[in-house]
Amino acid sequence: MTSTSGNTIFSASGISKSFPGVQALTNVDFDLKSGEVHALVGENGAGKSTLIRIIGGVETQDSGIMELNGARYIPTGRADAEASGIRMVMQELNLIETLTIAENIFLNQLPARFGFIDYRHLNKNAAFIMRDVGLETVSPDLFVSDLGVGQMQMVEIAAGLSQQCLILALDEPTASLTQTEKELLFKQIEKLKAAQVSIIYISHHIDEIKQIADRVTILRDGEIISTREIDKLESQDIVRMMIGRELKDVQFTRSKMPGTVALRIVSLCADPKIKEVSFEVRENEILGFAGLMGSGRTETMRAIYGADSSYKGEIFLKNDEHSFRFSNPHQAVSKGIALLSEDRAKEGLLLPLSVMANITLTRLKSISFLSLINTTQEKASVEQYIKTLNIRYSSLEQPVAELSGGNQQKVVIGKWLFRDPDIFIFDEPTRGIDVGAKFEIYEIMNHLAELGKAIIIVSSDLKELMAICDRIAVMSAGKIVATFERGTWSKEKIMNAAFSEYLNV
């Protein structure tokens, strides 16, 4: 991308920050020019989010100074940073689900008339901003709780765009977005650049960085590795500096052929999207689910798992002649099914609890006697999974909320590995995770399939699906419209199938 940036408007020098047992940042220097996109990249836990939380007033550095427009910048909190023109859109959503979309977008500037909220004006303004981020078909008076994760992400971005600012920090903004939604976001970023707004952009997607950034700063273990103009770096250069080693494309294959059918779904229907969905997955197999956001992939998995209700359909496990339809997740878990939700913070973890407690929560009886937990056995079990999954942590008692997104995801996986189910359903398992950690998770899924587990993975990343799956089912408007065997698929075929029910072809 050709830079249109101007003078330096923000600088940070010698920024260091530590948390209990973790040195998050060490002597970091960072600057931002007017009207530029400055990307921050690095593995999970490298310090990217910590740096922008300091800039955004959420955290306070232990040492170092910051300047904004040539003056000393010492924010006392997020509100103070926003008053100075610095706004953040964080990876973990910060929406109030009991309020409407419009109320969330303009939470701090609700229009009033005669002492009451002017909802007509509010919804009109919200609809204008929502159109810019691809939400023109969604009503602004809809409650946020009724949205999917991807739509929530777009609402969060719309809220970030709702006020004028000098600096906008975006932390993994495209993690749950479709390609169309990503393109709309990139257009908004171009508009902001033209208005001399500066963007700090965190992403694990190197292709995005190459497309929209002017400069990139690479962090590793809390230290700056390099700051370079983006057009002077190749993608592999960035990855190598991020993780300290070469990482090439890998195609995962298994030594065993798919075995006995582990899960068979027949004519599953669930309101309002799922229509006569039928498929099967076998032991030693990884079955991928592709499709556009809103196609029904997540809803299908939640209906199977009993997290959402279904009104028709049968679920068969292995050679059992009797069908099931689970009314709650507990029933599914008792039959050997695990669902790793796309929303790990809300549905996969108890964030205030420790790493150890989160991992052992699914099978406490195995480490208990007379309702008392054997802490020595619990610790030994957890340490085994931490080593296997390469989880970065400071203590077994460390709250999971303090871990990076990638390490939180590994704790979710560890929780289910401890439970040892027969069927794993991974819903967007690498959302917001760096490239190195992604490959570690791919290797875990591949190993589970080798052990005879049946694996289902829902992902918006076609490259990911094509690297690790044996078959890929494609959903469009609530239906499975195609299933491809390895060697028969292509991106074009998958995308054509994904659009088919929307284009009436």
Foldseek 3Di string as FASTA:
>chain_A
DDDPFDAWFKKKFQFWAADVQATQAGGDIDIWTFLFEEEEEFFFSLNPVVVVCCLQFDDPTPDIWMGGRRHTDHRNHNVSSVVQFEEELAPQFDADQQFFLLCRLCVPPFDDDPRHGPVVVSQVLLCVLCVLQPNNVPGRRHGNNPDDPQVSLSSSVSSQVSDGGQEYEYALSCLPAAPVSVVSVLVVSNVCSVVRRIYYYYHQDLVVCLVGGQWYWAGGSNYTPDIGGSVVDDSQRNVCSRVVHGDDAFFDDAPDDFDFWFKWKAQWAAPPFAGGATDTWGFLFEEEEEFHVVLCPQVVVCQQQLVGDTDDIWMDGGPDPDTDGHNHNVVVVVQQEEECDPNCVPPQADQQFFLLCSQCVLPQVVQDDPPHGPVVVSVVLSVVLCVLLVQDDSDRRDGLNPGGPLNSLSSSVSSVVNSPGQEYEYESSCRSGHPVSLVSVLVVVSVSSNVGHTYYYYHNDVSSCLRRGQKYFYGERNYGQDMGGRPGDDPVVRVCSNCCVVVVD
